[in-house]
Amino acid sequence: MGSVGQGPASKENGGLGVSSFFALNRALLLKWVWRFVSQDGSLWYKVIHALYGPSVNSHRTHFSSNWCSILREVRKLKDKGFDFWSHCKKRVGNGISTSFWSDCWLGDIPFKAKYPRLFALELEKDATVASKLQFPLENSFRRSARGGIEQHLMMDLISTLDSISLSNSCDCWTCDLTSDGEFRVKEVRNAIDNLFLPSQDIVTRWVKYVPIKVNIFIWRARQDCLPTKTNLVHRGVNVESCICSTCSSGEEDINHSLFCCNLAQQILVRICRWWDIQAIGWSSFQEWYTWFE
């Protein structure tokens, strides 16, 4: 029997396109994280900066505070498969406010994770992109890169930086969950829902020319979520009998109620006559749905 819990999934994934409260709540929490990460200059940013420091990676999360609770939730989302930090990228302009090693500004991971051996040689680990590109890379190393793997990594990093040119614009943060890089609750919420909610290969058919309640009824029928007698029994509801109360000729399940019951067949014949189409003896919802498509 289909699950009602699939309703919040997107219509493309077989749901009703209604966001889950779980995703909406987490997206609203992430908005506060984004406001700090993007350094929007708001009072919120200034307060958190003064209390916890400039780098969110060094913020402690064991205190009893709203900010610590938010960061713990971000960590839980990462453990479940949604890494918000991986979607936050730095778009470099003049390179003055971007950390060369720690910020994810070129590629999908920070340079300190991609080139750990070179990062170990760095004396100025908080160096900005602007300062690192102003002089030779090894200028702030405690020693030059040696042959072998270190030299190979050095050449690879230099090659990666060849295409970088700084501009006069300020650095800014972007969120790759949206097309324009701006953080929006709606699109982040959809990304979380698409990751966690169950999905189906069949796209939900939504006909805008009929009432919403009809669309929802068809969706529930396809999911076998209607409160037929057999479904009520499966859910632990005590019913006197599963036999159809209208025709008494079979168990009242979704297929019998809509297609096999004598009353249902009479209604279908009249509907087909009304629309001037040939009546077909459907015996199941799936047969009707396939014909309808």
C-alpha atoms as a PDB file:
ATOM      1  CA  MET A   1       0.000   0.000   0.000  1.00  0.00           C
ATOM      2  CA  GLY A   2       1.357   3.420  -0.916  1.00  0.00           C
ATOM      3  CA  SER A   3       2.611   5.748   1.774  1.00  0.00           C
ATOM      4  CA  VAL A   4       0.882   9.019   2.571  1.00  0.00           C
ATOM      5  CA  GLY A   5       4.316  10.315   3.581  1.00  0.00           C
ATOM      6  CA  GLN A   6       5.200  10.654  -0.092  1.00  0.00           C
ATOM      7  CA  GLY A   7       2.807  13.593  -0.411  1.00  0.00           C
ATOM      8  CA  PRO A   8       5.390  16.291   0.415  1.00  0.00           C
ATOM      9  CA  ALA A   9       7.685  15.111  -2.401  1.00  0.00           C
ATOM     10  CA  SER A  10       7.855  17.178  -5.570  1.00  0.00           C
ATOM     11  CA  LYS A  11       5.430  16.430  -8.394  1.00  0.00           C
ATOM     12  CA  GLU A  12       8.416  15.348 -10.515  1.00  0.00           C
ATOM     13  CA  ASN A  13       9.112  12.659  -7.894  1.00  0.00           C
ATOM     14  CA  GLY A  14       5.526  11.451  -7.601  1.00  0.00           C
ATOM     15  CA  GLY A  15       4.397  13.701  -4.730  1.00  0.00           C
ATOM     16  CA  LEU A  16       2.013  16.613  -4.354  1.00  0.00           C
ATOM     17  CA  GLY A  17       4.667  19.339  -4.400  1.00  0.00           C
ATOM     18  CA  VAL A  18       4.070  20.353  -0.777  1.00  0.00           C
ATOM     19  CA  SER A  19       7.195  21.023   1.240  1.00  0.00           C
ATOM     20  CA  SER A  20       7.806  19.057   4.423  1.00  0.00           C
ATOM     21  CA  PHE A  21       8.047  20.951   7.715  1.00  0.00           C
ATOM     22  CA  PHE A  22      11.428  19.275   8.242  1.00  0.00           C
ATOM     23  CA  ALA A  23      12.902  20.858   5.106  1.00  0.00           C
ATOM     24  CA  LEU A  24      11.268  24.245   5.708  1.00  0.00           C
ATOM     25  CA  ASN A  25      12.565  24.418   9.270  1.00  0.00           C
ATOM     26  CA  ARG A  26      16.122  23.451   8.247  1.00  0.00           C
ATOM     27  CA  ALA A  27      16.137  25.892   5.340  1.00  0.00           C
ATOM     28  CA  LEU A  28      15.124  28.726   7.692  1.00  0.00           C
ATOM     29  CA  LEU A  29      17.912  27.742  10.090  1.00  0.00           C
ATOM     30  CA  LEU A  30      20.423  27.648   7.243  1.00  0.00           C
ATOM     31  CA  LYS A  31      19.388  31.161   6.289  1.00  0.00           C
ATOM     32  CA  TRP A  32      20.930  32.398   9.539  1.00  0.00           C
ATOM     33  CA  VAL A  33      24.099  30.442   8.802  1.00  0.00           C
ATOM     34  CA  TRP A  34      24.204  31.941   5.321  1.00  0.00           C
ATOM     35  CA  ARG A  35      23.827  35.463   6.717  1.00  0.00           C
ATOM     36  CA  PHE A  36      26.918  34.916   8.843  1.00  0.00           C
ATOM     37  CA  VAL A  37      28.935  33.160   6.146  1.00  0.00           C
ATOM     38  CA  SER A  38      28.096  35.773   3.512  1.00  0.00           C
ATOM     39  CA  GLN A  39      29.081  38.547   5.961  1.00  0.00           C
ATOM     40  CA  ASP A  40      26.109  40.721   5.084  1.00  0.00           C
ATOM     41  CA  GLY A  41      27.089  43.351   7.666  1.00  0.00           C
ATOM     42  CA  SER A  42      23.840  42.930   9.593  1.00  0.00           C
ATOM     43  CA  LEU A  43      23.540  43.222  13.366  1.00  0.00           C
ATOM     44  CA  TRP A  44      23.194  39.402  13.465  1.00  0.00           C
ATOM     45  CA  TYR A  45      26.557  38.986  11.769  1.00  0.00           C
ATOM     46  CA  LYS A  46      28.243  41.515  14.072  1.00  0.00           C
ATOM     47  CA  VAL A  47      26.895  39.871  17.245  1.00  0.00           C
ATOM     48  CA  ILE A  48      27.882  36.327  16.229  1.00  0.00           C
ATOM     49  CA  HIS A  49      31.264  37.588  15.007  1.00  0.00           C
ATOM     50  CA  ALA A  50      31.911  39.290  18.362  1.00  0.00           C
ATOM     51  CA  LEU A  51      30.802  36.282  20.429  1.00  0.00           C
ATOM     52  CA  TYR A  52      32.300  33.403  18.454  1.00  0.00           C
ATOM     53  CA  GLY A  53      34.927  34.811  16.103  1.00  0.00           C
ATOM     54  CA  PRO A  54      35.255  35.385  12.349  1.00  0.00           C
ATOM     55  CA  SER A  55      35.551  31.758  11.180  1.00  0.00           C
ATOM     56  CA  VAL A  56      32.477  29.543  11.512  1.00  0.00           C
ATOM     57  CA  ASN A  57      34.713  26.465  11.376  1.00  0.00           C
ATOM     58  CA  SER A  58      36.226  27.419  14.746  1.00  0.00           C
ATOM     59  CA  HIS A  59      32.917  28.156  16.478  1.00  0.00           C
ATOM     60  CA  ARG A  60      32.192  25.957  19.476  1.00  0.00           C
ATOM     61  CA  THR A  61      28.899  24.097  19.401  1.00  0.00           C
ATOM     62  CA  HIS A  62      28.608  22.644  22.904  1.00  0.00           C
ATOM     63  CA  PHE A  63      27.196  25.781  24.516  1.00  0.00           C
ATOM     64  CA  SER A  64      23.492  26.227  25.213  1.00  0.00           C
ATOM     65  CA  SER A  65      22.640  28.961  22.712  1.00  0.00           C
ATOM     66  CA  ASN A  66      20.553  29.410  19.583  1.00  0.00           C
ATOM     67  CA  TRP A  67      23.650  29.740  17.388  1.00  0.00           C
ATOM     68  CA  CYS A  68      25.223  26.560  18.760  1.00  0.00           C
ATOM     69  CA  SER A  69      21.941  24.705  18.249  1.00  0.00           C
ATOM     70  CA  ILE A  70      21.844  25.866  14.629  1.00  0.00           C
ATOM     71  CA  LEU A  71      25.418  24.714  13.985  1.00  0.00           C
ATOM     72  CA  ARG A  72      24.678  21.339  15.575  1.00  0.00           C
ATOM     73  CA  GLU A  73      21.727  20.944  13.216  1.00  0.00           C
ATOM     74  CA  VAL A  74      23.988  21.774  10.259  1.00  0.00           C
ATOM     75  CA  ARG A  75      26.315  19.005  11.424  1.00  0.00           C
ATOM     76  CA  LYS A  76      23.400  16.550  11.725  1.00  0.00           C
ATOM     77  CA  LEU A  77      22.309  17.382   8.179  1.00  0.00           C
ATOM     78  CA  LYS A  78      25.838  16.677   6.964  1.00  0.00           C
ATOM     79  CA  ASP A  79      25.843  13.301   8.709  1.00  0.00           C
ATOM     80  CA  LYS A  80      22.561  12.499   6.930  1.00  0.00           C
ATOM     81  CA  GLY A  81      23.953  13.416   3.515  1.00  0.00           C
ATOM     82  CA  PHE A  82      23.276  17.149   3.104  1.00  0.00           C
ATOM     83  CA  ASP A  83      26.542  19.101   3.430  1.00  0.00           C
ATOM     84  CA  PHE A  84      25.539  22.771   3.354  1.00  0.00           C
ATOM     85  CA  TRP A  85      29.143  23.971   3.453  1.00  0.00           C
ATOM     86  CA  SER A  86      29.879  22.201   0.161  1.00  0.00           C
ATOM     87  CA  HIS A  87      27.282  24.431  -1.508  1.00  0.00           C
ATOM     88  CA  CYS A  88      28.851  27.671  -0.241  1.00  0.00           C
ATOM     89  CA  LYS A  89      31.492  28.960  -2.647  1.00  0.00           C
ATOM     90  CA  LYS A  90      33.568  32.139  -2.666  1.00  0.00           C
ATOM     91  CA  ARG A  91      33.482  34.207  -5.840  1.00  0.00           C
ATOM     92  CA  VAL A  92      36.800  36.036  -5.971  1.00  0.00           C
ATOM     93  CA  GLY A  93      37.030  39.638  -7.086  1.00  0.00           C
ATOM     94  CA  ASN A  94      40.031  41.437  -5.604  1.00  0.00           C
ATOM     95  CA  GLY A  95      40.870  38.480  -3.339  1.00  0.00           C
ATOM     96  CA  ILE A  96      41.245  40.638  -0.240  1.00  0.00           C
ATOM     97  CA  SER A  97      38.621  38.908   1.926  1.00  0.00           C
ATOM     98  CA  THR A  98      39.074  35.337   0.677  1.00  0.00           C
ATOM     99  CA  SER A  99      41.293  32.840   2.476  1.00  0.00           C
ATOM    100  CA  PHE A 100      43.634  31.205  -0.017  1.00  0.00           C
ATOM    101  CA  TRP A 101      43.790  27.890   1.848  1.00  0.00           C
ATOM    102  CA  SER A 102      40.559  27.636   3.850  1.00  0.00           C
ATOM    103  CA  ASP A 103      37.829  29.072   1.621  1.00  0.00           C
ATOM    104  CA  CYS A 104      36.316  27.041  -1.187  1.00  0.00           C
ATOM    105  CA  TRP A 105      36.981  29.572  -3.944  1.00  0.00           C
ATOM    106  CA  LEU A 106      38.388  27.454  -6.786  1.00  0.00           C
ATOM    107  CA  GLY A 107      37.021  23.958  -7.244  1.00  0.00           C
ATOM    108  CA  ASP A 108      34.861  21.938  -4.906  1.00  0.00           C
ATOM    109  CA  ILE A 109      37.185  21.687  -1.894  1.00  0.00           C
ATOM    110  CA  PRO A 110      39.569  24.138  -0.145  1.00  0.00           C
ATOM    111  CA  PHE A 111      43.212  24.051  -1.117  1.00  0.00           C
ATOM    112  CA  LYS A 112      44.245  22.974   2.388  1.00  0.00           C
ATOM    113  CA  ALA A 113      42.267  19.749   1.845  1.00  0.00           C
ATOM    114  CA  LYS A 114      43.366  19.285  -1.768  1.00  0.00           C
ATOM    115  CA  TYR A 115      47.046  20.037  -1.108  1.00  0.00           C
ATOM    116  CA  PRO A 116      47.628  19.066   2.550  1.00  0.00           C
ATOM    117  CA  ARG A 117      51.406  18.680   2.106  1.00  0.00           C
ATOM    118  CA  LEU A 118      51.755  22.195   0.731  1.00  0.00           C
ATOM    119  CA  PHE A 119      49.480  23.575   3.428  1.00  0.00           C
ATOM    120  CA  ALA A 120      51.791  21.999   6.037  1.00  0.00           C
ATOM    121  CA  LEU A 121      54.669  24.050   4.590  1.00  0.00           C
ATOM    122  CA  GLU A 122      52.695  27.308   4.754  1.00  0.00           C
ATOM    123  CA  LEU A 123      53.658  29.735   7.522  1.00  0.00           C
ATOM    124  CA  GLU A 124      50.823  32.189   6.874  1.00  0.00           C
ATOM    125  CA  LYS A 125      47.891  29.791   6.949  1.00  0.00           C
ATOM    126  CA  ASP A 126      45.371  32.645   6.999  1.00  0.00           C
ATOM    127  CA  ALA A 127      46.835  34.311   3.922  1.00  0.00           C
ATOM    128  CA  THR A 128      44.348  35.855   1.516  1.00  0.00           C
ATOM    129  CA  VAL A 129      44.122  35.131  -2.183  1.00  0.00           C
ATOM    130  CA  ALA A 130      45.337  38.650  -2.934  1.00  0.00           C
ATOM    131  CA  SER A 131      48.471  38.282  -0.795  1.00  0.00           C
ATOM    132  CA  LYS A 132      49.324  34.808  -2.121  1.00  0.00           C
ATOM    133  CA  LEU A 133      49.017  35.822  -5.768  1.00  0.00           C
ATOM    134  CA  GLN A 134      51.081  38.950  -5.229  1.00  0.00           C
ATOM    135  CA  PHE A 135      54.279  36.984  -4.625  1.00  0.00           C
ATOM    136  CA  PRO A 136      55.617  33.534  -5.577  1.00  0.00           C
ATOM    137  CA  LEU A 137      53.669  30.800  -3.760  1.00  0.00           C
ATOM    138  CA  GLU A 138      56.719  29.467  -1.911  1.00  0.00           C
ATOM    139  CA  ASN A 139      57.516  32.943  -0.571  1.00  0.00           C
ATOM    140  CA  SER A 140      55.665  32.161   2.694  1.00  0.00           C
ATOM    141  CA  PHE A 141      56.690  28.479   2.934  1.00  0.00           C
ATOM    142  CA  ARG A 142      59.039  27.385   5.704  1.00  0.00           C
ATOM    143  CA  ARG A 143      61.049  25.633   3.007  1.00  0.00           C
ATOM    144  CA  SER A 144      60.817  25.010  -0.720  1.00  0.00           C
ATOM    145  CA  ALA A 145      58.830  22.084  -2.031  1.00  0.00           C
ATOM    146  CA  ARG A 146      61.085  19.093  -2.450  1.00  0.00           C
ATOM    147  CA  GLY A 147      61.165  16.735  -5.409  1.00  0.00           C
ATOM    148  CA  GLY A 148      58.686  13.950  -5.823  1.00  0.00           C
ATOM    149  CA  ILE A 149      55.146  14.341  -4.569  1.00  0.00           C
ATOM    150  CA  GLU A 150      55.637  17.844  -3.140  1.00  0.00           C
ATOM    151  CA  GLN A 151      57.037  19.181  -6.396  1.00  0.00           C
ATOM    152  CA  HIS A 152      54.240  17.480  -8.344  1.00  0.00           C
ATOM    153  CA  LEU A 153      51.612  19.094  -6.102  1.00  0.00           C
ATOM    154  CA  MET A 154      53.331  22.455  -6.435  1.00  0.00           C
ATOM    155  CA  MET A 155      53.294  22.314 -10.221  1.00  0.00           C
ATOM    156  CA  ASP A 156      49.643  21.241 -10.187  1.00  0.00           C
ATOM    157  CA  LEU A 157      48.682  24.166  -7.935  1.00  0.00           C
ATOM    158  CA  ILE A 158      50.610  26.651 -10.082  1.00  0.00           C
ATOM    159  CA  SER A 159      48.903  25.288 -13.186  1.00  0.00           C
ATOM    160  CA  THR A 160      45.495  25.628 -11.493  1.00  0.00           C
ATOM    161  CA  LEU A 161      46.186  29.271 -10.660  1.00  0.00           C
ATOM    162  CA  ASP A 162      47.357  30.214 -14.164  1.00  0.00           C
ATOM    163  CA  SER A 163      43.834  31.083 -15.262  1.00  0.00           C
ATOM    164  CA  ILE A 164      43.091  33.289 -12.222  1.00  0.00           C
ATOM    165  CA  SER A 165      43.054  37.050 -12.620  1.00  0.00           C
ATOM    166  CA  LEU A 166      41.872  39.403  -9.895  1.00  0.00           C
ATOM    167  CA  SER A 167      39.557  42.361 -10.466  1.00  0.00           C
ATOM    168  CA  ASN A 168      38.563  45.523  -8.630  1.00  0.00           C
ATOM    169  CA  SER A 169      35.250  44.096  -7.401  1.00  0.00           C
ATOM    170  CA  CYS A 170      34.784  42.797  -3.860  1.00  0.00           C
ATOM    171  CA  ASP A 171      34.783  39.098  -3.044  1.00  0.00           C
ATOM    172  CA  CYS A 172      31.370  37.574  -2.358  1.00  0.00           C
ATOM    173  CA  TRP A 173      29.840  34.271  -1.314  1.00  0.00           C
ATOM    174  CA  THR A 174      27.552  32.279  -3.593  1.00  0.00           C
ATOM    175  CA  CYS A 175      25.201  29.360  -2.977  1.00  0.00           C
ATOM    176  CA  ASP A 176      25.226  26.818  -5.814  1.00  0.00           C
ATOM    177  CA  LEU A 177      21.781  25.523  -4.834  1.00  0.00           C
ATOM    178  CA  THR A 178      20.305  28.447  -6.779  1.00  0.00           C
ATOM    179  CA  SER A 179      20.866  29.481 -10.369  1.00  0.00           C
ATOM    180  CA  ASP A 180      22.080  32.999  -9.553  1.00  0.00           C
ATOM    181  CA  GLY A 181      24.097  32.155  -6.439  1.00  0.00           C
ATOM    182  CA  GLU A 182      21.729  33.906  -4.022  1.00  0.00           C
ATOM    183  CA  PHE A 183      20.480  31.978  -0.995  1.00  0.00           C
ATOM    184  CA  ARG A 184      16.721  31.420  -1.113  1.00  0.00           C
ATOM    185  CA  VAL A 185      14.760  29.413   1.435  1.00  0.00           C
ATOM    186  CA  LYS A 186      12.462  27.926  -1.207  1.00  0.00           C
ATOM    187  CA  GLU A 187      15.226  26.383  -3.323  1.00  0.00           C
ATOM    188  CA  VAL A 188      17.239  25.161  -0.332  1.00  0.00           C
ATOM    189  CA  ARG A 189      14.058  23.627   1.078  1.00  0.00           C
ATOM    190  CA  ASN A 190      13.422  21.842  -2.230  1.00  0.00           C
ATOM    191  CA  ALA A 191      16.996  20.518  -2.277  1.00  0.00           C
ATOM    192  CA  ILE A 192      16.557  19.034   1.215  1.00  0.00           C
ATOM    193  CA  ASP A 193      13.181  17.533   0.329  1.00  0.00           C
ATOM    194  CA  ASN A 194      14.528  15.975  -2.874  1.00  0.00           C
ATOM    195  CA  LEU A 195      17.299  14.345  -0.864  1.00  0.00           C
ATOM    196  CA  PHE A 196      15.311  12.965   2.053  1.00  0.00           C
ATOM    197  CA  LEU A 197      11.766  12.361   0.826  1.00  0.00           C
ATOM    198  CA  PRO A 198      10.854   9.082  -0.894  1.00  0.00           C
ATOM    199  CA  SER A 199      10.403   9.396  -4.634  1.00  0.00           C
ATOM    200  CA  GLN A 200       8.843   7.473  -7.484  1.00  0.00           C
ATOM    201  CA  ASP A 201       9.659   7.212 -11.152  1.00  0.00           C
ATOM    202  CA  ILE A 202       6.105   8.261 -12.096  1.00  0.00           C
ATOM    203  CA  VAL A 203       5.579  12.013 -12.309  1.00  0.00           C
ATOM    204  CA  THR A 204       2.410  13.264 -10.638  1.00  0.00           C
ATOM    205  CA  ARG A 205      -0.152  14.242 -13.265  1.00  0.00           C
ATOM    206  CA  TRP A 206      -1.663  17.583 -12.259  1.00  0.00           C
ATOM    207  CA  VAL A 207      -4.554  18.877 -14.373  1.00  0.00           C
ATOM    208  CA  LYS A 208      -5.117  22.574 -13.709  1.00  0.00           C
ATOM    209  CA  TYR A 209      -8.563  22.544 -15.336  1.00  0.00           C
ATOM    210  CA  VAL A 210     -10.117  20.466 -12.548  1.00  0.00           C
ATOM    211  CA  PRO A 211     -10.454  21.310  -8.827  1.00  0.00           C
ATOM    212  CA  ILE A 212      -7.448  20.705  -6.591  1.00  0.00           C
ATOM    213  CA  LYS A 213      -9.413  18.173  -4.536  1.00  0.00           C
ATOM    214  CA  VAL A 214      -9.918  16.059  -7.683  1.00  0.00           C
ATOM    215  CA  ASN A 215      -6.189  16.063  -8.419  1.00  0.00           C
ATOM    216  CA  ILE A 216      -5.469  15.072  -4.833  1.00  0.00           C
ATOM    217  CA  PHE A 217      -8.109  12.324  -4.975  1.00  0.00           C
ATOM    218  CA  ILE A 218      -6.512  10.845  -8.105  1.00  0.00           C
ATOM    219  CA  TRP A 219      -3.076  11.016  -6.484  1.00  0.00           C
ATOM    220  CA  ARG A 220      -4.376   9.236  -3.360  1.00  0.00           C
ATOM    221  CA  ALA A 221      -6.080   6.626  -5.514  1.00  0.00           C
ATOM    222  CA  ARG A 222      -2.854   5.934  -7.404  1.00  0.00           C
ATOM    223  CA  GLN A 223      -0.992   5.614  -4.094  1.00  0.00           C
ATOM    224  CA  ASP A 224      -3.795   3.367  -2.743  1.00  0.00           C
ATOM    225  CA  CYS A 225      -4.223   5.725   0.199  1.00  0.00           C
ATOM    226  CA  LEU A 226      -8.031   6.001   0.122  1.00  0.00           C
ATOM    227  CA  PRO A 227      -9.825   4.725   3.274  1.00  0.00           C
ATOM    228  CA  THR A 228     -11.334   1.637   1.685  1.00  0.00           C
ATOM    229  CA  LYS A 229     -12.340  -1.175   4.020  1.00  0.00           C
ATOM    230  CA  THR A 230      -9.300  -3.287   3.126  1.00  0.00           C
ATOM    231  CA  ASN A 231      -6.975  -0.353   3.796  1.00  0.00           C
ATOM    232  CA  LEU A 232      -8.676   0.368   7.108  1.00  0.00           C
ATOM    233  CA  VAL A 233      -8.083  -3.247   8.151  1.00  0.00           C
ATOM    234  CA  HIS A 234      -4.427  -2.967   7.152  1.00  0.00           C
ATOM    235  CA  ARG A 235      -4.160   0.104   9.382  1.00  0.00           C
ATOM    236  CA  GLY A 236      -5.609  -1.728  12.353  1.00  0.00           C
ATOM    237  CA  VAL A 237      -9.120  -0.258  12.207  1.00  0.00           C
ATOM    238  CA  ASN A 238     -11.836  -2.639  13.340  1.00  0.00           C
ATOM    239  CA  VAL A 239     -14.504  -3.066  10.614  1.00  0.00           C
ATOM    240  CA  GLU A 240     -17.341  -5.545  10.608  1.00  0.00           C
ATOM    241  CA  SER A 241     -16.650  -6.804   7.094  1.00  0.00           C
ATOM    242  CA  CYS A 242     -14.448  -5.987   4.107  1.00  0.00           C
ATOM    243  CA  ILE A 243     -17.290  -6.768   1.685  1.00  0.00           C
ATOM    244  CA  CYS A 244     -18.508  -3.814  -0.393  1.00  0.00           C
ATOM    245  CA  SER A 245     -21.592  -2.293   1.234  1.00  0.00           C
ATOM    246  CA  THR A 246     -23.008  -1.198  -2.130  1.00  0.00           C
ATOM    247  CA  CYS A 247     -22.988  -4.398  -4.181  1.00  0.00           C
ATOM    248  CA  SER A 248     -21.888  -7.071  -1.702  1.00  0.00           C
ATOM    249  CA  SER A 249     -20.028  -8.820  -4.516  1.00  0.00           C
ATOM    250  CA  GLY A 250     -16.418  -8.350  -3.512  1.00  0.00           C
ATOM    251  CA  GLU A 251     -13.962  -6.869  -1.027  1.00  0.00           C
ATOM    252  CA  GLU A 252     -13.937  -3.072  -0.923  1.00  0.00           C
ATOM    253  CA  ASP A 253     -10.445  -2.192  -2.135  1.00  0.00           C
ATOM    254  CA  ILE A 254      -9.405   0.643  -4.458  1.00  0.00           C
ATOM    255  CA  ASN A 255      -9.983  -1.313  -7.674  1.00  0.00           C
ATOM    256  CA  HIS A 256     -13.395  -2.616  -6.622  1.00  0.00           C
ATOM    257  CA  SER A 257     -14.599   0.769  -5.371  1.00  0.00           C
ATOM    258  CA  LEU A 258     -13.707   2.646  -8.556  1.00  0.00           C
ATOM    259  CA  PHE A 259     -14.104   0.035 -11.307  1.00  0.00           C
ATOM    260  CA  CYS A 260     -15.569  -3.356 -10.317  1.00  0.00           C
ATOM    261  CA  CYS A 261     -18.532  -2.349  -8.164  1.00  0.00           C
ATOM    262  CA  ASN A 262     -21.823  -2.357 -10.099  1.00  0.00           C
ATOM    263  CA  LEU A 263     -22.518   1.251  -9.153  1.00  0.00           C
ATOM    264  CA  ALA A 264     -19.026   2.330 -10.213  1.00  0.00           C
ATOM    265  CA  GLN A 265     -19.421   0.610 -13.582  1.00  0.00           C
ATOM    266  CA  GLN A 266     -22.756   2.358 -14.208  1.00  0.00           C
ATOM    267  CA  ILE A 267     -21.178   5.725 -13.405  1.00  0.00           C
ATOM    268  CA  LEU A 268     -18.204   5.038 -15.700  1.00  0.00           C
ATOM    269  CA  VAL A 269     -20.528   4.134 -18.575  1.00  0.00           C
ATOM    270  CA  ARG A 270     -22.429   7.391 -18.145  1.00  0.00           C
ATOM    271  CA  ILE A 271     -19.225   9.432 -17.963  1.00  0.00           C
ATOM    272  CA  CYS A 272     -17.924   7.827 -21.168  1.00  0.00           C
ATOM    273  CA  ARG A 273     -21.253   8.510 -22.867  1.00  0.00           C
ATOM    274  CA  TRP A 274     -21.112  12.121 -21.670  1.00  0.00           C
ATOM    275  CA  TRP A 275     -17.627  12.586 -23.190  1.00  0.00           C
ATOM    276  CA  ASP A 276     -18.536  10.601 -26.314  1.00  0.00           C
ATOM    277  CA  ILE A 277     -15.786   8.003 -25.813  1.00  0.00           C
ATOM    278  CA  GLN A 278     -15.966   4.244 -25.865  1.00  0.00           C
ATOM    279  CA  ALA A 279     -16.503   2.640 -22.489  1.00  0.00           C
ATOM    280  CA  ILE A 280     -13.728   0.191 -21.606  1.00  0.00           C
ATOM    281  CA  GLY A 281     -14.103  -2.421 -18.904  1.00  0.00           C
ATOM    282  CA  TRP A 282     -11.278  -1.369 -16.629  1.00  0.00           C
ATOM    283  CA  SER A 283     -10.667  -3.695 -13.726  1.00  0.00           C
ATOM    284  CA  SER A 284      -7.954  -1.765 -11.885  1.00  0.00           C
ATOM    285  CA  PHE A 285      -6.790   1.758 -11.327  1.00  0.00           C
ATOM    286  CA  GLN A 286      -3.507   0.973 -13.102  1.00  0.00           C
ATOM    287  CA  GLU A 287      -5.393  -0.138 -16.253  1.00  0.00           C
ATOM    288  CA  TRP A 288      -7.387   3.090 -16.239  1.00  0.00           C
ATOM    289  CA  TYR A 289      -4.301   5.235 -15.596  1.00  0.00           C
ATOM    290  CA  THR A 290      -2.386   3.592 -18.438  1.00  0.00           C
ATOM    291  CA  TRP A 291      -5.356   4.153 -20.776  1.00  0.00           C
ATOM    292  CA  PHE A 292      -5.678   7.741 -19.603  1.00  0.00           C
ATOM    293  CA  GLU A 293      -2.032   8.501 -20.352  1.00  0.00           C
END
